């Protein structure tokens, strides 16, 4: 090429413009490439952070679940944090939303107006989880895994510039009262138990359990020590003077089954065995030969309140009113003129064991030893007297009598049952309350001035003199001026 031709080529403006255009194109391509690289790095960063958060912190199963259900979770983002809660429902944690929920109706892609915060939330969810979904989809395709759920009709992942609306609302795949049985069919046999918890019987599981996740054990919707109180307001019982510790603490399932039971009150066991688990001292008397009927017949709540009471130990009524419920005839005895100080110094349990005993009538001791536990002052002389053989109850009634001191019969009729040959006939001393004992200043009876029925140091259980001496008689007859 000649010098002239070279000069003409250099001076050609078309060639210069072409070169500059190519440079601009190259610069543009570099900018687009850089932008694409940054976007790719951003997606990889989202994927990496999400993977670390899920696979390392929460576990690979949760990562796969979120990736598979991204179409649902991009709108229901409030459910994503539930994976980190203490108790997560297995279908929600490991499977797909459509295990329990029907997919929405026909998807329509339309432009809608959303608040900036709503749009940002949806975009963030897509950017955060979409790369992870691609990764799992690609991995499943390579490995031949069938765990990935195919996207429903409507064009796959929804465009960020549009929102999917539905012609119908998503529903459960079957009625709620039947859905839980699909996985928890082993509980179905409990419906044949004699007593069932109403929410369980009606299939209203979500009244107590959250279907997705919970901060409490067993997916409970509230703390286990508070949940039962929402339907069973027993605050009045718990505010009584004494509250049963398990009830006060709210540990209802320590005694009650939350689903069903063959024991009244949905108890987890028979009352006796249930109460024995916390009251071993009562369990120790369960094999004694004489048992109180309520105790024997598994009716602890016949006497005790299960939640709270104003009478210790958790009695449904104070004594003796409680005992009168089953023993009304005893009330009449304690209404008589001479009776034990029941309700004042004594209660029924002062003499009778309320659960079981070794002796008849549930007495805490046997025979005369029982009475001498309180009336020990009679012991020194009574132990050597002839009356000891007959026993205290031969003369005294244990509850109440019309005759003082709690005699089973009026004097002298009571004494004459055994001593009639000695004190009747001609020229015998008159004995009856209608005669006045001037020494004792009361009606004349066998025990007013002459005899002590519990024994004395003298013969014939006379009170003051040994043998048949005049002094015994002179106690009264000197006073009235009669001499022999």
Protein backbone atom coordinates (compact mmCIF):
# COMPACT_ATOMS: atom_id res chain seq x y z
CA UNK A 1 0.00 0.00 0.00
CA UNK A 2 1.31 3.45 -0.91
CA UNK A 3 1.74 6.28 1.57
CA UNK A 4 -1.17 8.09 -0.03
CA UNK A 5 -3.52 5.21 0.50
CA UNK A 6 -2.48 4.92 4.13
CA UNK A 7 -3.11 8.58 4.66
CA UNK A 8 -6.54 8.33 3.09
CA UNK A 9 -7.45 5.40 5.38
CA UNK A 10 -6.38 7.24 8.51
CA UNK A 11 -8.33 10.30 7.56
CA UNK A 12 -11.50 8.27 6.84
CA UNK A 13 -14.06 9.32 9.53
CA UNK A 14 -16.12 6.16 9.03
CA UNK A 15 -13.32 3.98 10.24
CA UNK A 16 -12.90 6.09 13.39
CA UNK A 17 -16.57 5.95 14.23
CA UNK A 18 -16.62 2.17 13.82
CA UNK A 19 -13.75 1.75 16.20
CA UNK A 20 -15.36 3.90 18.85
CA UNK A 21 -18.65 1.98 18.49
CA UNK A 22 -16.92 -1.28 18.98
CA UNK A 23 -15.25 0.07 22.08
CA UNK A 24 -18.59 1.23 23.49
CA UNK A 25 -20.10 -2.16 22.75
CA UNK A 26 -17.25 -3.86 24.50
CA UNK A 27 -17.62 -1.55 27.49
CA UNK A 28 -21.38 -2.24 27.55
CA UNK A 29 -20.83 -5.95 27.41
CA UNK A 30 -18.34 -5.69 30.22
CA UNK A 31 -20.87 -3.74 32.33
CA UNK A 32 -23.58 -6.31 31.65
CA UNK A 33 -21.16 -9.11 32.40
CA UNK A 34 -20.12 -7.44 35.64
CA UNK A 35 -23.76 -6.91 36.60
CA UNK A 36 -24.55 -10.54 35.77
CA UNK A 37 -21.55 -11.64 37.80
CA UNK A 38 -22.64 -9.52 40.77
CA UNK A 39 -26.18 -10.90 40.49
CA UNK A 40 -24.80 -14.42 40.34
CA UNK A 41 -22.59 -13.75 43.35
CA UNK A 42 -25.61 -12.30 45.16
CA UNK A 43 -27.65 -15.40 44.40
CA UNK A 44 -24.78 -17.64 45.44
CA UNK A 45 -24.40 -15.64 48.67
CA UNK A 46 -28.11 -15.99 49.41
CA UNK A 47 -27.91 -19.67 48.65
CA UNK A 48 -24.80 -20.09 50.83
CA UNK A 49 -26.18 -18.18 53.81
CA UNK A 50 -29.51 -19.95 53.54
CA UNK A 51 -27.84 -23.33 53.25
CA UNK A 52 -25.64 -22.67 56.25
CA UNK A 53 -28.60 -21.41 58.26
CA UNK A 54 -30.75 -24.41 57.41
CA UNK A 55 -28.38 -27.31 56.91
CA UNK A 56 -26.04 -26.43 59.75
CA UNK A 57 -28.39 -24.81 62.23
CA UNK A 58 -31.77 -26.37 61.44
CA UNK A 59 -30.93 -29.47 59.43
CA UNK A 60 -31.08 -30.64 55.81
CA UNK A 61 -34.62 -31.99 56.10
CA UNK A 62 -35.97 -28.52 56.86
CA UNK A 63 -33.96 -27.07 53.99
CA UNK A 64 -35.52 -29.54 51.58
CA UNK A 65 -38.98 -28.82 52.93
CA UNK A 66 -38.66 -25.08 52.41
CA UNK A 67 -37.24 -25.59 48.94
CA UNK A 68 -40.06 -27.95 47.96
CA UNK A 69 -42.75 -25.67 49.38
CA UNK A 70 -41.40 -22.33 48.25
CA UNK A 71 -44.57 -21.64 46.29
CA UNK A 72 -46.52 -21.75 49.55
CA UNK A 73 -43.94 -20.15 51.82
CA UNK A 74 -43.35 -17.11 49.63
CA UNK A 75 -46.79 -15.94 50.76
CA UNK A 76 -46.84 -17.65 54.15
CA UNK A 77 -43.46 -16.36 55.28
CA UNK A 78 -44.67 -16.17 58.86
CA UNK A 79 -44.44 -19.98 59.00
CA UNK A 80 -40.71 -20.15 58.25
CA UNK A 81 -39.55 -19.22 61.78
CA UNK A 82 -41.74 -22.03 63.14
CA UNK A 83 -39.09 -24.54 62.05
CA UNK A 84 -36.88 -23.36 64.90
CA UNK A 85 -39.50 -23.78 67.62
CA UNK A 86 -39.21 -26.44 70.30
CA UNK A 87 -41.86 -28.78 68.92
CA UNK A 88 -42.47 -29.10 65.17
CA UNK A 89 -45.19 -31.26 63.64
CA UNK A 90 -43.61 -33.97 61.50
CA UNK A 91 -45.69 -33.38 58.32
CA UNK A 92 -44.86 -29.68 58.55
CA UNK A 93 -41.19 -30.38 59.23
CA UNK A 94 -40.40 -33.16 56.78
CA UNK A 95 -43.09 -33.35 54.11
CA UNK A 96 -45.21 -31.01 52.01
CA UNK A 97 -47.96 -28.55 52.74
CA UNK A 98 -50.30 -30.51 50.50
CA UNK A 99 -50.15 -33.49 52.85
CA UNK A 100 -52.77 -31.67 54.89
CA UNK A 101 -53.87 -28.79 52.65
CA UNK A 102 -55.42 -28.83 49.22
CA UNK A 103 -53.58 -26.65 46.65
CA UNK A 104 -55.23 -23.37 45.83
CA UNK A 105 -57.62 -23.07 42.92
CA UNK A 106 -56.58 -22.09 39.39
CA UNK A 107 -53.71 -19.66 39.57
CA UNK A 108 -54.12 -16.35 37.76
CA UNK A 109 -51.18 -14.07 37.10
CA UNK A 110 -52.32 -10.49 37.42
CA UNK A 111 -50.84 -7.19 38.40
CA UNK A 112 -51.86 -6.08 41.85
CA UNK A 113 -51.07 -3.17 44.11
CA UNK A 114 -49.08 -4.09 47.20
CA UNK A 115 -47.56 -2.09 50.01
CA UNK A 116 -43.77 -1.70 49.81
CA UNK A 117 -43.26 -3.79 52.93
CA UNK A 118 -45.30 -6.67 51.46
CA UNK A 119 -43.37 -6.56 48.21
CA UNK A 120 -40.01 -6.43 49.97
CA UNK A 121 -40.99 -9.42 52.12
CA UNK A 122 -41.97 -11.51 49.08
CA UNK A 123 -38.89 -10.48 47.09
CA UNK A 124 -36.62 -11.27 50.01
CA UNK A 125 -38.16 -14.71 50.42
CA UNK A 126 -37.73 -15.50 46.71
CA UNK A 127 -34.14 -14.22 46.58
CA UNK A 128 -33.26 -16.10 49.73
CA UNK A 129 -34.77 -19.48 48.90
CA UNK A 130 -34.99 -19.63 45.07
CA UNK A 131 -31.29 -20.56 44.55
CA UNK A 132 -31.61 -23.28 47.16
CA UNK A 133 -34.66 -24.65 45.36
CA UNK A 134 -32.76 -24.74 42.09
CA UNK A 135 -29.93 -26.54 43.82
CA UNK A 136 -32.20 -29.21 45.28
CA UNK A 137 -34.11 -29.54 41.99
CA UNK A 138 -30.85 -30.01 40.10
CA UNK A 139 -29.50 -32.46 42.66
CA UNK A 140 -32.75 -34.48 42.57
CA UNK A 141 -32.58 -34.62 38.75
CA UNK A 142 -28.97 -35.81 38.83
CA UNK A 143 -29.51 -38.34 41.60
CA UNK A 144 -32.86 -39.53 40.32
CA UNK A 145 -34.59 -38.61 43.57
CA UNK A 146 -38.35 -38.18 43.47
CA UNK A 147 -38.57 -36.07 46.58
CA UNK A 148 -39.09 -32.80 44.69
CA UNK A 149 -42.68 -31.72 44.23
CA UNK A 150 -43.54 -30.53 40.72
CA UNK A 151 -44.79 -26.97 40.61
CA UNK A 152 -48.53 -26.61 40.13
CA UNK A 153 -50.01 -25.12 36.97
CA UNK A 154 -49.57 -21.44 36.56
CA UNK A 155 -46.05 -21.03 35.26
CA UNK A 156 -43.86 -22.24 38.10
CA UNK A 157 -42.42 -19.63 40.44
CA UNK A 158 -44.49 -16.50 40.31
CA UNK A 159 -42.96 -13.42 38.77
CA UNK A 160 -41.85 -10.83 41.26
CA UNK A 161 -43.82 -8.21 39.38
CA UNK A 162 -47.10 -10.06 39.78
CA UNK A 163 -49.02 -11.89 42.48
CA UNK A 164 -51.00 -15.11 42.24
CA UNK A 165 -54.63 -14.91 43.29
CA UNK A 166 -56.93 -17.90 43.67
CA UNK A 167 -60.41 -18.69 42.52
CA UNK A 168 -60.94 -20.74 45.71
CA UNK A 169 -59.45 -20.84 49.18
CA UNK A 170 -57.10 -23.61 50.18
CA UNK A 171 -58.74 -26.13 52.50
CA UNK A 172 -57.77 -29.27 54.36
CA UNK A 173 -57.66 -32.45 52.32
CA UNK A 174 -60.43 -33.86 54.52
CA UNK A 175 -62.58 -32.63 57.42
CA UNK A 176 -60.50 -31.54 60.39
CA UNK A 177 -62.21 -34.05 62.68
CA UNK A 178 -60.89 -36.86 60.47
CA UNK A 179 -57.58 -35.53 59.16
CA UNK A 180 -55.47 -36.23 62.25
CA UNK A 181 -56.52 -39.89 62.28
CA UNK A 182 -54.63 -40.42 59.00
CA UNK A 183 -51.33 -40.35 60.90
CA UNK A 184 -52.52 -40.84 64.45
CA UNK A 185 -54.82 -43.78 63.89
CA UNK A 186 -53.29 -45.60 66.84
CA UNK A 187 -55.23 -43.22 69.10
CA UNK A 188 -58.51 -44.30 67.53
CA UNK A 189 -58.85 -47.28 69.85
CA UNK A 190 -59.16 -44.82 72.76
CA UNK A 191 -62.56 -43.76 71.42
CA UNK A 192 -63.87 -47.07 72.76
CA UNK A 193 -62.88 -46.18 76.31
CA UNK A 194 -65.64 -45.49 78.81
CA UNK A 195 -64.76 -41.83 79.29
CA UNK A 196 -63.45 -39.53 76.55
CA UNK A 197 -62.28 -35.92 76.50
CA UNK A 198 -64.83 -34.00 74.43
CA UNK A 199 -62.33 -32.26 72.06
CA UNK A 200 -60.69 -35.63 71.39
CA UNK A 201 -64.01 -37.38 70.87
CA UNK A 202 -65.18 -34.71 68.41
CA UNK A 203 -61.85 -34.60 66.54
CA UNK A 204 -61.14 -31.01 67.55
CA UNK A 205 -57.42 -31.69 67.98
CA UNK A 206 -56.36 -28.13 67.16
CA UNK A 207 -58.12 -26.83 70.27
CA UNK A 208 -55.15 -28.18 72.20
CA UNK A 209 -52.44 -28.80 69.56
CA UNK A 210 -50.91 -26.44 67.01
CA UNK A 211 -50.88 -28.16 63.59
CA UNK A 212 -47.54 -26.65 62.60
CA UNK A 213 -45.19 -25.89 65.48
CA UNK A 214 -45.17 -24.84 69.09
CA UNK A 215 -42.88 -23.68 71.85
CA UNK A 216 -44.35 -26.34 74.12
CA UNK A 217 -44.17 -30.10 74.24
CA UNK A 218 -46.69 -32.16 72.27
CA UNK A 219 -47.38 -29.15 70.02
CA UNK A 220 -49.61 -27.65 72.70
CA UNK A 221 -51.09 -24.25 71.93
CA UNK A 222 -50.33 -22.97 75.43
CA UNK A 223 -48.03 -23.92 78.30
CA UNK A 224 -49.12 -27.34 79.59
CA UNK A 225 -49.69 -25.96 83.09
CA UNK A 226 -52.16 -23.38 81.75
CA UNK A 227 -53.88 -25.00 78.78
CA UNK A 228 -56.52 -26.96 80.71
CA UNK A 229 -57.66 -23.87 82.60
CA UNK A 230 -58.95 -22.28 79.38
CA UNK A 231 -61.86 -24.76 79.33
CA UNK A 232 -61.88 -25.85 82.98
CA UNK A 233 -62.00 -22.73 85.18
CA UNK A 234 -61.26 -24.27 88.58
CA UNK A 235 -59.78 -21.09 90.04
CA UNK A 236 -62.43 -20.99 92.77
CA UNK A 237 -61.41 -24.45 93.95
CA UNK A 238 -57.71 -23.61 93.83
CA UNK A 239 -58.25 -20.44 95.90
CA UNK A 240 -59.60 -22.39 98.84
CA UNK A 241 -57.62 -22.81 102.04
CA UNK A 242 -55.84 -25.92 100.79
CA UNK A 243 -55.10 -26.70 97.14
CA UNK A 244 -54.01 -30.06 95.79
CA UNK A 245 -50.38 -29.45 94.66
CA UNK A 246 -50.69 -31.04 91.18
CA UNK A 247 -53.85 -29.06 90.45
CA UNK A 248 -52.40 -25.81 91.79
CA UNK A 249 -49.29 -26.23 89.65
CA UNK A 250 -51.44 -26.97 86.60
CA UNK A 251 -50.07 -30.47 86.03
CA UNK A 252 -53.51 -31.85 85.20
CA UNK A 253 -52.14 -34.74 83.15
CA UNK A 254 -50.48 -36.15 86.27
CA UNK A 255 -53.97 -37.41 87.11
CA UNK A 256 -56.07 -37.06 83.94
CA UNK A 257 -55.61 -38.47 80.47
CA UNK A 258 -55.93 -35.75 77.81
CA UNK A 259 -57.67 -38.13 75.40
CA UNK A 260 -59.66 -40.96 77.00
CA UNK A 261 -59.73 -43.42 79.85
CA UNK A 262 -61.73 -46.27 81.33
CA UNK A 263 -61.81 -44.51 84.68
CA UNK A 264 -64.30 -41.84 85.70
CA UNK A 265 -62.97 -38.33 85.40
CA UNK A 266 -60.66 -39.48 82.59
CA UNK A 267 -58.20 -40.53 85.29
CA UNK A 268 -55.07 -42.31 84.16
CA UNK A 269 -55.62 -45.11 86.72
CA UNK A 270 -57.99 -46.27 89.46
CA UNK A 271 -58.32 -43.71 92.22
CA UNK A 272 -56.58 -45.89 94.79
CA UNK A 273 -53.54 -46.62 92.64
CA UNK A 274 -53.41 -43.05 91.40
CA UNK A 275 -53.49 -41.57 94.90
CA UNK A 276 -51.05 -44.16 96.23
CA UNK A 277 -48.43 -42.95 93.74
CA UNK A 278 -48.08 -39.71 95.72
CA UNK A 279 -49.37 -40.89 99.11
CA UNK A 280 -47.39 -44.04 99.97
CA UNK A 281 -48.30 -43.83 103.66
CA UNK A 282 -51.92 -44.48 102.71
CA UNK A 283 -50.88 -47.31 100.42
CA UNK A 284 -49.29 -49.07 103.37
CA UNK A 285 -52.70 -49.59 105.06
CA UNK A 286 -54.44 -50.94 101.95
CA UNK A 287 -53.86 -54.55 103.03
CA UNK A 288 -55.28 -54.21 106.51
CA UNK A 289 -58.24 -56.52 107.25
CA UNK A 290 -60.82 -53.81 108.00
CA UNK A 291 -61.20 -51.17 105.29
CA UNK A 292 -63.44 -48.14 105.00
CA UNK A 293 -65.92 -48.78 102.21
CA UNK A 294 -65.10 -45.69 100.11
CA UNK A 295 -61.41 -46.52 100.42
CA UNK A 296 -62.01 -50.16 99.56
CA UNK A 297 -64.34 -49.36 96.64
CA UNK A 298 -61.94 -46.98 94.89
CA UNK A 299 -63.79 -43.81 95.86
CA UNK A 300 -61.19 -41.48 97.34
CA UNK A 301 -63.14 -38.48 96.05
CA UNK A 302 -66.10 -39.62 98.13
CA UNK A 303 -64.32 -37.92 101.02
CA UNK A 304 -61.55 -35.80 99.44
CA UNK A 305 -61.69 -32.92 96.98
CA UNK A 306 -59.30 -33.52 94.08
CA UNK A 307 -58.49 -29.84 93.49
CA UNK A 308 -58.99 -27.73 96.60
CA UNK A 309 -60.86 -27.55 99.88
CA UNK A 310 -61.43 -25.34 102.90
CA UNK A 311 -61.02 -28.35 105.19
CA UNK A 312 -57.82 -30.33 105.64
CA UNK A 313 -56.88 -32.82 104.40
CA UNK A 314 -58.79 -31.76 101.27
CA UNK A 315 -62.07 -33.02 102.76
CA UNK A 316 -65.28 -32.21 100.94
CA UNK A 317 -66.87 -31.24 104.31
CA UNK A 318 -65.61 -30.74 107.86
CA UNK A 319 -65.91 -33.60 110.31
CA UNK A 320 -68.32 -34.82 111.60
CA UNK A 321 -70.63 -33.49 108.84
CA UNK A 322 -68.61 -35.47 106.31
CA UNK A 323 -69.14 -38.74 108.19
CA UNK A 324 -72.84 -38.03 108.71
CA UNK A 325 -73.29 -38.18 104.93
CA UNK A 326 -72.98 -41.97 105.12
CA UNK A 327 -73.69 -42.50 108.83
CA UNK A 328 -76.75 -40.35 109.57
CA UNK A 329 -77.75 -42.47 112.57
CA UNK A 330 -74.59 -41.39 114.39
CA UNK A 331 -75.74 -37.78 114.23
CA UNK A 332 -78.69 -38.72 116.47
CA UNK A 333 -76.36 -40.31 119.03
CA UNK A 334 -74.24 -37.17 119.29
CA UNK A 335 -77.39 -35.11 119.79
CA UNK A 336 -78.21 -36.96 123.03
CA UNK A 337 -77.67 -35.51 126.51
CA UNK A 338 -74.41 -37.38 127.23
CA UNK A 339 -71.95 -37.70 124.33
CA UNK A 340 -68.33 -37.46 123.40
CA UNK A 341 -67.22 -33.86 122.59
CA UNK A 342 -67.33 -34.43 118.84
CA UNK A 343 -66.48 -31.37 116.78
CA UNK A 344 -64.89 -29.68 119.81
CA UNK A 345 -62.06 -31.74 121.25
CA UNK A 346 -62.57 -34.77 119.03
CA UNK A 347 -63.29 -35.68 115.43
CA UNK A 348 -64.41 -39.02 114.06
CA UNK A 349 -60.82 -39.66 112.99
CA UNK A 350 -59.73 -39.35 116.62
CA UNK A 351 -61.17 -42.83 117.17
CA UNK A 352 -61.58 -44.32 113.68
CA UNK A 353 -58.98 -44.60 110.95
CA UNK A 354 -60.61 -43.16 107.81
CA UNK A 355 -58.87 -45.64 105.52
CA UNK A 356 -58.18 -49.02 107.13
CA UNK A 357 -57.37 -50.63 110.47
CA UNK A 358 -56.52 -53.90 112.17
CA UNK A 359 -59.58 -53.75 114.44
CA UNK A 360 -63.38 -53.78 113.97
CA UNK A 361 -65.16 -50.48 113.39
CA UNK A 362 -61.87 -49.09 112.05
CA UNK A 363 -60.77 -48.43 115.63
CA UNK A 364 -57.18 -47.38 116.19
CA UNK A 365 -56.83 -49.85 119.11
CA UNK A 366 -58.70 -52.88 120.39
CA UNK A 367 -61.02 -53.44 123.36
CA UNK A 368 -60.46 -51.61 126.63
CA UNK A 369 -57.05 -50.38 125.50
CA UNK A 370 -58.81 -48.16 123.00
CA UNK A 371 -60.85 -46.36 125.69
CA UNK A 372 -57.94 -46.21 128.12
CA UNK A 373 -56.00 -44.25 125.54
CA UNK A 374 -57.97 -41.19 126.66
CA UNK A 375 -59.30 -42.41 130.01
CA UNK A 376 -56.02 -43.62 131.45
CA UNK A 377 -56.95 -42.37 134.92
CA UNK A 378 -59.28 -45.37 135.23
CA UNK A 379 -56.53 -47.88 134.49
CA UNK A 380 -54.94 -48.46 137.95
CA UNK A 381 -58.06 -49.92 139.60
CA UNK A 382 -59.96 -51.04 136.52
CA UNK A 383 -57.24 -53.46 135.45
CA UNK A 384 -57.85 -55.61 138.57
CA UNK A 385 -61.63 -55.25 138.71
CA UNK A 386 -64.20 -57.85 137.74
CA UNK A 387 -65.77 -55.38 135.31
CA UNK A 388 -62.70 -55.39 133.09
CA UNK A 389 -63.72 -58.78 131.70
CA UNK A 390 -66.94 -57.37 130.31
CA UNK A 391 -65.25 -54.38 128.72
CA UNK A 392 -66.08 -50.69 128.60
CA UNK A 393 -68.75 -51.04 125.92
CA UNK A 394 -70.76 -53.42 128.11
CA UNK A 395 -71.83 -50.38 130.10
CA UNK A 396 -70.98 -47.36 127.93
CA UNK A 397 -72.05 -46.44 124.44
CA UNK A 398 -69.20 -44.97 122.38
CA UNK A 399 -71.04 -42.05 120.75
CA UNK A 400 -73.85 -40.70 122.92
CA UNK A 401 -76.59 -41.68 125.33
CA UNK A 402 -79.55 -40.25 127.19
CA UNK A 403 -78.00 -41.54 130.44
CA UNK A 404 -74.97 -40.01 132.09
CA UNK A 405 -72.14 -40.95 131.73
CA UNK A 406 -72.96 -42.34 128.27
CA UNK A 407 -74.50 -45.47 129.81
CA UNK A 408 -76.28 -47.94 127.61
CA UNK A 409 -79.16 -48.07 130.14
CA UNK A 410 -80.39 -46.10 133.16
CA UNK A 411 -79.12 -46.91 136.65
CA UNK A 412 -79.91 -49.08 138.54
CA UNK A 413 -81.40 -51.05 135.64
CA UNK A 414 -77.97 -51.36 134.03
CA UNK A 415 -76.42 -52.83 137.18
CA UNK A 416 -79.38 -55.11 137.87
CA UNK A 417 -78.77 -56.89 134.56
CA UNK A 418 -75.87 -58.65 136.26
CA UNK A 419 -76.44 -58.10 139.99
CA UNK A 420 -80.18 -58.72 140.35
CA UNK A 421 -79.95 -61.71 142.76
CA UNK A 422 -78.01 -59.60 145.24
CA UNK A 423 -80.00 -56.38 145.40
CA UNK A 424 -83.64 -57.43 145.13
CA UNK A 425 -85.97 -58.99 147.64
CA UNK A 426 -87.26 -57.99 151.05
CA UNK A 427 -85.30 -55.74 153.34
CA UNK A 428 -83.03 -54.54 150.55
CA UNK A 429 -81.68 -51.04 150.21
CA UNK A 430 -83.81 -48.88 147.89
CA UNK A 431 -81.95 -47.92 144.73
CA UNK A 432 -83.32 -45.57 142.12
CA UNK A 433 -82.80 -41.93 141.07
CA UNK A 434 -86.13 -41.12 142.75
CA UNK A 435 -84.41 -41.62 146.10
CA UNK A 436 -82.13 -38.84 147.21
CA UNK A 437 -78.50 -39.55 148.14
CA UNK A 438 -77.84 -37.07 150.96
CA UNK A 439 -74.09 -37.77 150.80
CA UNK A 440 -73.65 -37.29 147.06
CA UNK A 441 -76.40 -34.63 146.87
CA UNK A 442 -78.02 -36.31 143.86
CA UNK A 443 -80.26 -39.23 142.95
CA UNK A 444 -79.45 -42.46 144.75
CA UNK A 445 -77.88 -45.02 142.40
CA UNK A 446 -75.38 -47.81 142.74
CA UNK A 447 -72.51 -45.44 141.99
CA UNK A 448 -73.65 -42.24 143.66
CA UNK A 449 -71.92 -42.93 147.04
CA UNK A 450 -71.39 -46.65 147.41
CA UNK A 451 -69.64 -48.27 144.43
CA UNK A 452 -67.10 -47.27 141.83
CA UNK A 453 -67.77 -49.34 138.69
CA UNK A 454 -64.16 -49.00 137.53
CA UNK A 455 -62.75 -50.56 140.70
CA UNK A 456 -61.42 -49.58 144.12
CA UNK A 457 -58.97 -50.90 146.66
CA UNK A 458 -61.81 -52.25 148.75
CA UNK A 459 -64.01 -55.30 148.48
CA UNK A 460 -67.14 -55.17 146.35
CA UNK A 461 -65.75 -52.05 144.66
CA UNK A 462 -67.07 -49.87 147.49
CA UNK A 463 -65.72 -46.36 147.43
CA UNK A 464 -64.60 -45.50 150.92
CA UNK A 465 -64.43 -48.37 153.42
CA UNK A 466 -63.09 -51.87 153.48
CA UNK A 467 -65.61 -54.60 154.26
CA UNK A 468 -69.10 -54.23 155.63
CA UNK A 469 -68.32 -51.64 158.26
CA UNK A 470 -70.68 -49.12 159.68
CA UNK A 471 -68.71 -46.23 158.26
CA UNK A 472 -69.99 -47.01 154.77
CA UNK A 473 -73.57 -46.66 155.93
CA UNK A 474 -72.94 -43.77 158.24
CA UNK A 475 -71.97 -41.59 155.28
CA UNK A 476 -75.67 -41.08 154.67
CA UNK A 477 -77.52 -42.26 157.71
CA UNK A 478 -75.61 -40.12 160.17
CA UNK A 479 -76.68 -37.13 158.21
CA UNK A 480 -80.35 -37.95 158.48
CA UNK A 481 -80.12 -39.00 162.17
CA UNK A 482 -80.90 -42.65 161.64
CA UNK A 483 -78.84 -45.10 163.68
CA UNK A 484 -78.76 -48.89 163.75
